[in-house]
Protein backbone atom coordinates (compact mmCIF):
# COMPACT_ATOMS: atom_id res chain seq x y z
CA MET A 1 28.33 135.50 -87.23
CA SER A 2 25.53 137.03 -85.15
CA ASN A 3 23.15 139.77 -86.21
CA LEU A 4 23.88 142.27 -83.48
CA THR A 5 21.70 145.30 -83.06
CA ILE A 6 23.52 148.61 -83.29
CA GLN A 7 22.88 149.21 -79.57
CA ASP A 8 24.31 145.79 -78.63
CA SER A 9 27.44 146.34 -80.72
CA GLU A 10 27.91 149.73 -79.06
CA SER A 11 27.66 148.09 -75.62
CA ARG A 12 30.23 145.44 -76.56
CA PHE A 13 32.64 148.09 -77.81
CA ASN A 14 32.24 150.12 -74.62
CA GLU A 15 33.01 147.04 -72.53
CA TYR A 16 36.07 146.35 -74.67
CA LEU A 17 37.28 149.93 -74.09
CA LYS A 18 36.91 149.62 -70.32
CA GLN A 19 39.02 146.46 -70.31
CA SER A 20 41.65 147.79 -72.74
CA GLY A 21 43.62 149.80 -70.17
CA LYS A 22 43.08 153.07 -71.99
CA ALA A 23 42.92 156.31 -70.01
CA HIS A 24 39.50 157.04 -68.50
CA ALA A 25 39.16 160.26 -70.52
CA THR A 26 39.93 158.35 -73.74
CA VAL A 27 37.29 155.72 -72.97
CA ILE A 28 34.67 158.41 -72.35
CA ALA A 29 35.58 160.24 -75.58
CA TYR A 30 35.30 157.05 -77.69
CA ALA A 31 32.01 156.12 -76.00
CA LYS A 32 30.46 159.53 -76.70
CA ASP A 33 31.60 159.42 -80.33
CA ILE A 34 30.01 156.01 -80.91
CA GLU A 35 26.85 157.04 -79.07
CA GLN A 36 26.56 159.93 -81.53
CA LEU A 37 27.09 157.53 -84.44
CA THR A 38 24.41 155.20 -83.08
CA GLU A 39 21.89 158.05 -82.92
CA PHE A 40 22.68 159.00 -86.51
CA LEU A 41 22.41 155.43 -87.85
CA THR A 42 19.17 154.61 -86.03
CA GLY A 43 17.79 157.86 -87.40
CA ARG A 44 18.45 156.45 -90.86
CA GLY A 45 16.48 153.32 -89.99
CA LYS A 46 19.47 151.07 -89.33
CA LEU A 47 18.74 148.40 -86.73
CA GLU A 48 21.53 145.83 -87.13
CA ILE A 49 25.21 146.72 -87.27
CA GLU A 50 25.75 144.36 -90.20
CA SER A 51 23.44 146.50 -92.35
CA VAL A 52 25.69 149.58 -92.05
CA THR A 53 27.49 150.42 -95.29
CA SER A 54 30.34 152.71 -96.26
CA ASN A 55 27.71 155.04 -97.78
CA ASP A 56 26.10 155.38 -94.34
CA LEU A 57 29.46 156.26 -92.82
CA GLU A 58 30.25 158.75 -95.58
CA ALA A 59 26.89 160.39 -94.87
CA TYR A 60 27.80 160.49 -91.21
CA LYS A 61 31.13 162.16 -91.99
CA GLU A 62 29.33 164.83 -94.05
CA TYR A 63 26.94 165.36 -91.14
CA LEU A 64 29.90 165.87 -88.78
CA ILE A 65 31.47 168.39 -91.16
CA GLN A 66 28.23 170.41 -91.22
CA VAL A 67 27.84 170.30 -87.43
CA TYR A 68 31.41 170.95 -86.29
CA ARG A 69 33.12 172.72 -89.21
CA SER A 70 36.44 171.66 -87.72
CA ASP A 71 38.62 169.19 -89.60
CA LYS A 72 40.40 168.24 -86.39
CA THR A 73 37.18 167.38 -84.54
CA VAL A 74 35.75 165.49 -87.52
CA SER A 75 39.02 163.59 -87.97
CA ARG A 76 38.99 162.52 -84.32
CA LYS A 77 35.39 161.30 -84.54
CA VAL A 78 36.04 159.46 -87.81
CA ASN A 79 39.02 157.81 -86.14
CA SER A 80 36.69 156.63 -83.34
CA VAL A 81 34.33 155.17 -85.95
CA LYS A 82 37.19 153.35 -87.65
CA SER A 83 38.37 151.89 -84.33
CA TYR A 84 34.80 150.78 -83.60
CA PHE A 85 34.33 148.93 -86.88
CA ARG A 86 37.82 147.49 -86.79
CA TYR A 87 36.97 145.98 -83.39
CA LEU A 88 33.69 144.56 -84.76
CA SER A 89 35.40 143.13 -87.84
CA ASP A 90 38.37 141.65 -85.96
CA ASN A 91 35.97 139.91 -83.57
CA ARG A 92 33.78 138.65 -86.43
CA PHE A 93 30.65 140.53 -85.38
CA ILE A 94 30.43 141.81 -88.97
CA PRO A 95 31.62 140.12 -92.20
CA ASP A 96 33.44 143.19 -93.51
CA ASN A 97 34.67 146.57 -92.30
CA PRO A 98 32.73 149.36 -94.09
CA SER A 99 34.85 152.09 -92.49
CA ARG A 100 37.90 151.03 -94.57
CA LEU A 101 36.50 152.99 -97.50
CA VAL A 102 35.87 156.16 -95.50
CA SER A 103 38.66 158.71 -95.83
CA GLN A 104 39.91 161.01 -93.09
CA PRO A 105 39.47 164.76 -93.64
CA GLN A 106 42.75 166.53 -94.27
CA CYS A 107 43.80 168.45 -91.16
CA GLU A 108 46.08 171.42 -91.29
CA GLN A 109 48.96 170.75 -88.92
CA THR A 110 49.27 173.52 -86.37
CA LEU A 111 52.39 174.05 -84.30
CA PRO A 112 52.11 174.13 -80.50
CA ARG A 113 51.56 177.55 -78.92
CA PHE A 114 53.96 178.46 -76.12
CA LEU A 115 54.49 181.49 -73.91
CA SER A 116 57.37 183.90 -74.27
CA LYS A 117 59.38 184.84 -71.18
CA THR A 118 57.50 188.15 -71.03
CA GLU A 119 54.16 186.33 -71.14
CA TYR A 120 54.82 183.74 -68.47
CA ARG A 121 56.36 186.36 -66.22
CA ALA A 122 53.20 188.47 -66.65
CA LEU A 123 51.12 185.41 -65.72
CA ARG A 124 53.26 184.83 -62.66
CA ASP A 125 52.83 188.46 -61.61
CA ALA A 126 49.05 188.25 -62.09
CA CYS A 127 48.90 185.27 -59.72
CA ARG A 128 51.21 186.75 -57.11
CA GLY A 129 48.41 187.52 -54.64
CA ASP A 130 46.85 184.05 -54.93
CA VAL A 131 49.16 181.51 -53.30
CA ARG A 132 47.24 178.47 -54.51
CA MET A 133 47.03 179.58 -58.13
CA LEU A 134 50.67 180.66 -58.17
CA ALA A 135 51.56 177.14 -57.01
CA VAL A 136 49.34 175.68 -59.75
CA VAL A 137 50.96 177.85 -62.42
CA GLU A 138 54.50 177.15 -61.25
CA THR A 139 53.85 173.40 -61.00
CA LEU A 140 52.49 173.27 -64.56
CA LEU A 141 55.12 175.60 -65.95
CA GLN A 142 58.14 174.06 -64.18
CA THR A 143 57.25 170.37 -64.67
CA GLY A 144 55.30 170.20 -67.95
CA MET A 145 52.68 167.91 -66.42
CA ARG A 146 49.14 167.70 -67.75
CA ILE A 147 46.34 169.54 -65.96
CA SER A 148 44.63 166.20 -65.23
CA GLU A 149 47.84 164.97 -63.62
CA LEU A 150 48.08 168.11 -61.50
CA ALA A 151 44.47 167.73 -60.36
CA GLY A 152 45.20 164.14 -59.32
CA LEU A 153 48.36 164.88 -57.34
CA LYS A 154 48.40 163.74 -53.72
CA VAL A 155 50.36 165.52 -51.01
CA ASN A 156 52.73 162.56 -50.65
CA ASP A 157 53.41 162.53 -54.41
CA VAL A 158 55.67 165.53 -53.84
CA ASP A 159 59.04 164.40 -52.48
CA PHE A 160 60.85 167.50 -51.24
CA ASP A 161 63.83 165.48 -50.00
CA ARG A 162 64.63 164.00 -53.41
CA ASP A 163 63.20 166.94 -55.39
CA ILE A 164 60.81 164.88 -57.50
CA ILE A 165 57.09 164.59 -58.13
CA ASN A 166 55.67 161.10 -58.65
CA ILE A 167 52.98 161.04 -61.32
CA GLU A 168 50.71 158.15 -62.24
CA THR A 169 49.54 158.46 -65.83
CA GLU A 170 45.75 158.29 -65.71
CA GLY A 171 44.27 154.87 -66.38
CA THR A 172 47.60 153.17 -67.16
CA GLY A 173 49.13 152.47 -63.76
CA ILE A 174 52.43 153.72 -65.21
CA ASN A 175 54.45 155.96 -62.91
CA ARG A 176 57.01 158.53 -63.88
CA ARG A 177 59.19 160.85 -61.84
CA VAL A 178 59.37 164.52 -62.73
CA PRO A 179 62.19 166.71 -61.37
CA LEU A 180 61.05 169.38 -58.93
CA ASN A 181 63.10 172.57 -59.28
CA GLU A 182 63.47 175.28 -56.65
CA THR A 183 60.84 177.60 -58.14
CA ALA A 184 58.10 174.98 -58.10
CA LYS A 185 59.30 173.66 -54.74
CA LYS A 186 59.06 177.11 -53.16
CA ALA A 187 55.58 177.75 -54.62
CA ILE A 188 54.19 174.39 -53.43
CA LYS A 189 55.66 174.82 -49.95
CA SER A 190 54.08 178.29 -49.71
CA TYR A 191 50.73 176.79 -50.67
CA LEU A 192 51.04 173.96 -48.15
CA ARG A 193 51.40 176.53 -45.38
CA ILE A 194 47.92 177.95 -46.16
CA ARG A 195 46.32 174.71 -47.42
CA PRO A 196 43.19 173.78 -45.39
CA ARG A 197 43.83 171.25 -42.63
CA THR A 198 41.99 168.14 -43.70
CA ARG A 199 42.32 164.39 -44.14
CA GLU A 200 41.85 164.85 -47.88
CA LYS A 201 45.02 163.59 -49.59
CA THR A 202 44.67 165.56 -52.83
CA LEU A 203 47.30 168.29 -52.98
CA PHE A 204 45.29 171.17 -54.44
CA LEU A 205 41.98 171.85 -52.69
CA THR A 206 39.09 174.28 -52.74
CA LYS A 207 38.28 176.42 -49.71
CA THR A 208 35.73 173.76 -48.70
CA CYS A 209 38.45 171.08 -48.62
CA LYS A 210 37.27 169.39 -51.82
CA PRO A 211 39.69 168.39 -54.60
CA PHE A 212 40.38 171.23 -57.03
CA LEU A 213 38.84 169.70 -60.16
CA VAL A 214 40.19 170.07 -63.70
CA ARG A 215 37.28 172.22 -64.90
CA ASN A 216 37.69 174.59 -61.95
CA ILE A 217 41.47 174.78 -62.36
CA ARG A 218 40.98 175.57 -66.05
CA LYS A 219 38.40 178.26 -65.26
CA SER A 220 40.70 179.88 -62.69
CA LEU A 221 43.67 179.79 -65.05
CA ASP A 222 41.61 181.38 -67.84
CA ARG A 223 40.82 184.22 -65.45
CA TYR A 224 44.49 184.81 -64.72
CA PHE A 225 45.36 184.59 -68.41
CA ARG A 226 42.98 187.52 -68.93
CA LEU A 227 44.37 189.43 -65.95
CA ALA A 228 47.88 188.97 -67.33
CA GLY A 229 46.74 190.42 -70.65
CA LEU A 230 47.59 187.25 -72.56
CA GLY A 231 44.44 187.26 -74.68
CA PRO A 232 41.87 184.55 -75.44
CA LYS A 233 44.19 182.37 -77.52
CA ILE A 234 46.27 181.21 -74.55
CA LYS A 235 45.24 177.77 -73.29
CA VAL A 236 46.20 175.76 -70.22
CA ASN A 237 48.17 173.27 -72.30
CA ASP A 238 50.38 176.11 -73.55
CA LEU A 239 52.15 176.00 -70.16
CA ARG A 240 53.12 172.40 -70.94
CA HIS A 241 54.26 173.42 -74.41
CA THR A 242 56.35 176.19 -72.87
CA PHE A 243 58.12 173.76 -70.54
CA ILE A 244 58.98 171.40 -73.41
CA VAL A 245 60.33 174.14 -75.66
CA GLU A 246 62.44 175.72 -72.91
CA GLN A 247 63.96 172.36 -71.88
CA LEU A 248 64.92 171.56 -75.47
CA ARG A 249 66.37 175.04 -75.88
CA ALA A 250 68.41 174.48 -72.72
CA GLY A 251 70.00 171.43 -74.31
CA LEU A 252 68.23 168.53 -72.59
CA PRO A 253 68.13 165.42 -74.79
CA MET A 254 64.83 165.02 -76.61
CA VAL A 255 64.40 161.46 -75.30
CA TYR A 256 64.76 162.68 -71.72
CA VAL A 257 62.27 165.52 -72.21
CA SER A 258 59.84 163.07 -73.81
CA GLN A 259 60.09 160.82 -70.75
CA ILE A 260 59.61 163.71 -68.30
CA VAL A 261 56.37 164.90 -69.93
CA GLY A 262 55.05 161.40 -70.59
CA HIS A 263 54.87 161.40 -74.38
CA LYS A 264 54.04 157.94 -75.69
CA ARG A 265 55.88 158.59 -78.95
CA LEU A 266 59.11 160.44 -79.56
CA THR A 267 57.58 161.93 -82.70
CA THR A 268 55.24 163.92 -80.44
CA THR A 269 58.27 165.62 -78.88
CA GLU A 270 59.98 166.10 -82.24
CA LYS A 271 57.41 168.64 -83.44
CA TYR A 272 58.71 171.10 -80.83
CA LEU A 273 62.08 171.17 -82.56
CA ALA A 274 60.59 173.69 -84.99
CA PHE A 275 61.05 176.28 -82.23
CA VAL A 276 64.45 175.15 -81.04
CA LYS A 277 68.04 175.73 -82.00
CA ILE A 278 69.57 173.03 -79.86
CA PRO A 279 72.96 173.89 -78.31
CA ASP A 280 75.75 171.36 -77.97
CA TYR A 281 74.71 168.84 -75.34
CA ASP A 282 76.33 169.26 -71.97
CA ALA A 283 75.88 166.37 -69.50
CA SER A 284 75.91 168.83 -66.61
CA ILE A 285 72.74 170.61 -67.83
CA LYS A 286 69.84 170.43 -65.40
CA ILE A 287 66.14 171.12 -65.78
CA GLU A 288 65.74 174.70 -66.90
CA THR A 289 63.99 176.96 -64.39
CA LEU A 290 61.49 179.23 -66.12
């Protein structure tokens, strides 16, 4: 057993995360959460990780509740803390795991928000004069992919001959194939005709031939949500929710829908059944075009 400083234990955990194969965004989120914990603990005079007690962690949880006032955010950060101390305990950097005694805040389960046909048609109409953004909207809406996956698409990921899009799940090296229906196919082809001529392989670009980054895509989509009169509660991920709900309503098997959208657990897909009266399954059913 070694008396690690809090900073050294944080560094070891960060290195473990980088080697764990987790998605890059997940690694960054964990690292920021533990950095925040480190600042809190050192502010309480804690120098060695072994000196941290469950009382310290309970105090940290109360601090998070005061700062964020969101059970969901606090729960996520507490989960990061628990993962951190579990790693330290399993690798014998500390004799006991003080986070075992820290309870998670109770989170109210909220159902996914999805767009009605009237809403996504209004969004489509709002984007009609912007070929690139219409292609972005149709790709998200017709495939259910994540915004990070869309931002990472390469031109050659879109296979028009076989009507599929190849997606590599960020940080995992796992590939999945998503069906490309005629609506999305038409929108992407229209965009490719006006896409800047460049050696850049990323599919969606800015006017200066740089990759269209997630934050910029999100900002542009928020603008079109407002123009479509959808209100401030609509989020980018609601397009993904819409795809999932509509495919289940069309009768696609839940396992198949789960595979298309890249859910790690079938239980994640199951929560959408609250919105769905599933018809009798028909093997001839194809991906629903929204």
